Amino acid sequence: MHRKVCSIGNSRGVSIPADVLSKLDLAVGSEVDVRIDEAESKIIIEPVRKKKYPKGVDREFVSQVNDFIARYEPALKELAKK
């Protein structure tokens, strides 16, 4: 299907038909990943799927642990060497 690039504020965008969004279980506010395949001269848009955690694993706790690791990664790597 052909679409036109349009202005959205200071950005540019392409509308996605409602039936396509529905088939991919996307709605207004859903996150998508946008990247370029330079070899094929293509724009690739894919849904970002949230990770599902096993029962009993708290998503907020996992987020805090990931933030901690990102913040202290150099120190943690040094500690791992000892």
N, C-alpha and C. Protein backbone atom coordinates (compact mmCIF):
# COMPACT_ATOMS: atom_id res chain seq x y z
N MET A 1 0.84 -1.17 0.00
CA MET A 1 0.00 0.00 0.00
C MET A 1 0.89 1.24 0.00
N HIS A 2 0.49 2.22 -0.71
CA HIS A 2 1.25 3.46 -0.83
C HIS A 2 0.74 4.46 0.19
N ARG A 3 1.66 5.16 0.82
CA ARG A 3 1.33 6.22 1.77
C ARG A 3 2.21 7.42 1.43
N LYS A 4 1.83 8.59 1.87
CA LYS A 4 2.64 9.80 1.67
C LYS A 4 3.25 10.23 2.99
N VAL A 5 4.45 10.75 2.92
CA VAL A 5 5.10 11.33 4.09
C VAL A 5 4.43 12.68 4.35
N CYS A 6 4.05 12.92 5.61
CA CYS A 6 3.36 14.16 5.96
C CYS A 6 4.12 14.86 7.09
N SER A 7 3.79 16.13 7.29
CA SER A 7 4.40 16.90 8.39
C SER A 7 3.62 16.65 9.67
N ILE A 8 4.37 16.45 10.75
CA ILE A 8 3.79 16.31 12.08
C ILE A 8 4.64 17.19 12.99
N GLY A 9 4.20 18.43 13.19
CA GLY A 9 5.02 19.39 13.94
C GLY A 9 6.31 19.64 13.17
N ASN A 10 7.45 19.50 13.86
CA ASN A 10 8.76 19.68 13.21
C ASN A 10 9.28 18.37 12.63
N SER A 11 8.51 17.31 12.74
CA SER A 11 8.93 16.00 12.24
C SER A 11 8.15 15.63 11.00
N ARG A 12 8.43 14.46 10.49
CA ARG A 12 7.70 13.91 9.36
C ARG A 12 7.19 12.54 9.76
N GLY A 13 6.11 12.09 9.16
CA GLY A 13 5.54 10.80 9.54
C GLY A 13 4.78 10.17 8.40
N VAL A 14 4.39 8.94 8.62
CA VAL A 14 3.58 8.18 7.68
C VAL A 14 2.44 7.56 8.49
N SER A 15 1.22 7.71 8.04
CA SER A 15 0.09 7.12 8.76
C SER A 15 0.07 5.61 8.52
N ILE A 16 -0.38 4.89 9.54
CA ILE A 16 -0.49 3.44 9.44
C ILE A 16 -1.98 3.11 9.52
N PRO A 17 -2.50 2.40 8.53
CA PRO A 17 -3.93 2.09 8.51
C PRO A 17 -4.36 1.30 9.76
N ALA A 18 -5.59 1.57 10.20
CA ALA A 18 -6.13 0.93 11.41
C ALA A 18 -6.11 -0.59 11.31
N ASP A 19 -6.39 -1.15 10.12
CA ASP A 19 -6.42 -2.61 10.01
C ASP A 19 -5.03 -3.21 10.20
N VAL A 20 -3.99 -2.50 9.78
CA VAL A 20 -2.61 -2.98 9.99
C VAL A 20 -2.28 -2.94 11.48
N LEU A 21 -2.64 -1.85 12.15
CA LEU A 21 -2.40 -1.75 13.59
C LEU A 21 -3.13 -2.85 14.33
N SER A 22 -4.35 -3.11 13.94
CA SER A 22 -5.16 -4.14 14.59
C SER A 22 -4.52 -5.52 14.44
N LYS A 23 -4.06 -5.83 13.25
CA LYS A 23 -3.43 -7.14 13.00
C LYS A 23 -2.17 -7.34 13.83
N LEU A 24 -1.48 -6.24 14.12
CA LEU A 24 -0.24 -6.32 14.91
C LEU A 24 -0.48 -6.04 16.39
N ASP A 25 -1.74 -5.89 16.78
CA ASP A 25 -2.13 -5.61 18.16
C ASP A 25 -1.46 -4.33 18.67
N LEU A 26 -1.50 -3.29 17.85
CA LEU A 26 -0.93 -1.99 18.20
C LEU A 26 -2.05 -0.97 18.31
N ALA A 27 -1.80 0.08 19.11
CA ALA A 27 -2.77 1.15 19.27
C ALA A 27 -2.00 2.45 19.45
N VAL A 28 -2.71 3.55 19.52
CA VAL A 28 -2.07 4.84 19.78
C VAL A 28 -1.30 4.72 21.09
N GLY A 29 -0.03 5.10 21.07
CA GLY A 29 0.81 5.01 22.26
C GLY A 29 1.69 3.77 22.28
N SER A 30 1.43 2.80 21.40
CA SER A 30 2.28 1.60 21.34
C SER A 30 3.68 2.01 20.88
N GLU A 31 4.69 1.30 21.40
CA GLU A 31 6.06 1.59 21.00
C GLU A 31 6.44 0.76 19.79
N VAL A 32 7.18 1.40 18.86
CA VAL A 32 7.72 0.71 17.70
C VAL A 32 9.20 1.04 17.57
N ASP A 33 9.94 0.15 16.95
CA ASP A 33 11.35 0.35 16.68
C ASP A 33 11.47 0.75 15.21
N VAL A 34 12.15 1.86 14.93
CA VAL A 34 12.33 2.33 13.56
C VAL A 34 13.82 2.28 13.25
N ARG A 35 14.15 1.59 12.15
CA ARG A 35 15.56 1.53 11.75
C ARG A 35 15.66 1.51 10.23
N ILE A 36 16.87 1.70 9.76
CA ILE A 36 17.12 1.75 8.32
C ILE A 36 17.93 0.53 7.90
N ASP A 37 17.51 -0.11 6.83
CA ASP A 37 18.30 -1.14 6.17
C ASP A 37 18.94 -0.45 4.98
N GLU A 38 20.17 0.04 5.19
CA GLU A 38 20.83 0.83 4.15
C GLU A 38 21.12 0.01 2.91
N ALA A 39 21.44 -1.27 3.08
CA ALA A 39 21.75 -2.13 1.93
C ALA A 39 20.55 -2.25 1.00
N GLU A 40 19.36 -2.28 1.57
CA GLU A 40 18.13 -2.44 0.78
C GLU A 40 17.37 -1.13 0.59
N SER A 41 17.91 -0.02 1.15
CA SER A 41 17.25 1.28 1.11
C SER A 41 15.80 1.18 1.61
N LYS A 42 15.65 0.59 2.82
CA LYS A 42 14.33 0.40 3.40
C LYS A 42 14.24 0.98 4.80
N ILE A 43 13.06 1.43 5.16
CA ILE A 43 12.75 1.81 6.52
C ILE A 43 12.00 0.63 7.13
N ILE A 44 12.44 0.17 8.29
CA ILE A 44 11.81 -0.98 8.94
C ILE A 44 11.17 -0.50 10.24
N ILE A 45 9.90 -0.78 10.39
CA ILE A 45 9.15 -0.42 11.60
C ILE A 45 8.62 -1.70 12.21
N GLU A 46 9.03 -2.00 13.45
CA GLU A 46 8.59 -3.23 14.12
C GLU A 46 8.03 -2.91 15.50
N PRO A 47 7.00 -3.64 15.92
CA PRO A 47 6.47 -3.44 17.27
C PRO A 47 7.51 -3.79 18.32
N VAL A 48 7.53 -3.03 19.40
CA VAL A 48 8.37 -3.37 20.55
C VAL A 48 7.49 -4.20 21.48
N ARG A 49 7.88 -5.42 21.70
CA ARG A 49 7.10 -6.31 22.56
C ARG A 49 7.72 -6.32 23.94
N LYS A 50 6.91 -6.09 24.93
CA LYS A 50 7.38 -6.11 26.32
C LYS A 50 7.76 -7.53 26.69
N LYS A 51 8.83 -7.62 27.45
CA LYS A 51 9.26 -8.94 27.94
C LYS A 51 8.26 -9.45 28.96
N LYS A 52 7.96 -10.72 28.86
CA LYS A 52 7.08 -11.34 29.85
C LYS A 52 7.95 -12.02 30.89
N TYR A 53 7.64 -11.74 32.14
CA TYR A 53 8.42 -12.30 33.24
C TYR A 53 7.70 -13.49 33.85
N PRO A 54 8.46 -14.44 34.36
CA PRO A 54 7.82 -15.58 35.03
C PRO A 54 6.98 -15.13 36.21
N LYS A 55 6.02 -15.94 36.58
CA LYS A 55 5.14 -15.63 37.70
C LYS A 55 5.99 -15.38 38.95
N GLY A 56 5.67 -14.32 39.66
CA GLY A 56 6.38 -14.00 40.89
C GLY A 56 7.54 -13.03 40.70
N VAL A 57 7.92 -12.74 39.46
CA VAL A 57 9.01 -11.80 39.20
C VAL A 57 8.39 -10.42 38.99
N ASP A 58 8.79 -9.47 39.81
CA ASP A 58 8.25 -8.13 39.78
C ASP A 58 8.95 -7.29 38.71
N ARG A 59 8.18 -6.77 37.76
CA ARG A 59 8.72 -5.97 36.66
C ARG A 59 9.48 -4.75 37.17
N GLU A 60 8.97 -4.08 38.20
CA GLU A 60 9.63 -2.90 38.76
C GLU A 60 10.99 -3.26 39.36
N PHE A 61 11.07 -4.41 40.04
CA PHE A 61 12.34 -4.85 40.61
C PHE A 61 13.35 -5.12 39.50
N VAL A 62 12.92 -5.78 38.44
CA VAL A 62 13.82 -6.05 37.30
C VAL A 62 14.32 -4.74 36.71
N SER A 63 13.44 -3.75 36.60
CA SER A 63 13.84 -2.45 36.08
C SER A 63 14.88 -1.79 36.98
N GLN A 64 14.69 -1.88 38.29
CA GLN A 64 15.65 -1.30 39.24
C GLN A 64 17.00 -2.00 39.15
N VAL A 65 16.98 -3.32 39.02
CA VAL A 65 18.24 -4.07 38.90
C VAL A 65 18.96 -3.67 37.61
N ASN A 66 18.22 -3.56 36.52
CA ASN A 66 18.84 -3.16 35.24
C ASN A 66 19.42 -1.76 35.32
N ASP A 67 18.72 -0.84 35.98
CA ASP A 67 19.25 0.51 36.17
C ASP A 67 20.52 0.49 37.00
N PHE A 68 20.54 -0.31 38.06
CA PHE A 68 21.72 -0.44 38.92
C PHE A 68 22.91 -0.96 38.12
N ILE A 69 22.67 -2.01 37.34
CA ILE A 69 23.75 -2.59 36.53
C ILE A 69 24.28 -1.57 35.53
N ALA A 70 23.39 -0.85 34.85
CA ALA A 70 23.82 0.15 33.88
C ALA A 70 24.64 1.25 34.55
N ARG A 71 24.22 1.67 35.73
CA ARG A 71 24.90 2.76 36.43
C ARG A 71 26.27 2.35 36.94
N TYR A 72 26.37 1.13 37.47
CA TYR A 72 27.61 0.69 38.12
C TYR A 72 28.37 -0.36 37.32
N GLU A 73 28.10 -0.46 36.03
CA GLU A 73 28.73 -1.50 35.21
C GLU A 73 30.26 -1.51 35.29
N PRO A 74 30.95 -0.36 35.17
CA PRO A 74 32.42 -0.40 35.26
C PRO A 74 32.91 -0.97 36.60
N ALA A 75 32.27 -0.54 37.70
CA ALA A 75 32.69 -1.04 39.01
C ALA A 75 32.39 -2.53 39.15
N LEU A 76 31.25 -2.97 38.64
CA LEU A 76 30.90 -4.38 38.72
C LEU A 76 31.88 -5.25 37.93
N LYS A 77 32.31 -4.74 36.77
CA LYS A 77 33.28 -5.48 35.96
C LYS A 77 34.62 -5.60 36.69
N GLU A 78 35.02 -4.53 37.36
CA GLU A 78 36.27 -4.58 38.13
C GLU A 78 36.16 -5.56 39.29
N LEU A 79 35.03 -5.55 39.96
CA LEU A 79 34.83 -6.50 41.07
C LEU A 79 34.83 -7.95 40.58
N ALA A 80 34.31 -8.17 39.40
CA ALA A 80 34.26 -9.53 38.85
C ALA A 80 35.66 -10.07 38.56
N LYS A 81 36.61 -9.19 38.32
CA LYS A 81 37.98 -9.62 38.04
C LYS A 81 38.70 -10.11 39.28
N LYS A 82 38.22 -9.72 40.46
CA LYS A 82 38.91 -10.06 41.72
C LYS A 82 38.45 -11.36 42.27
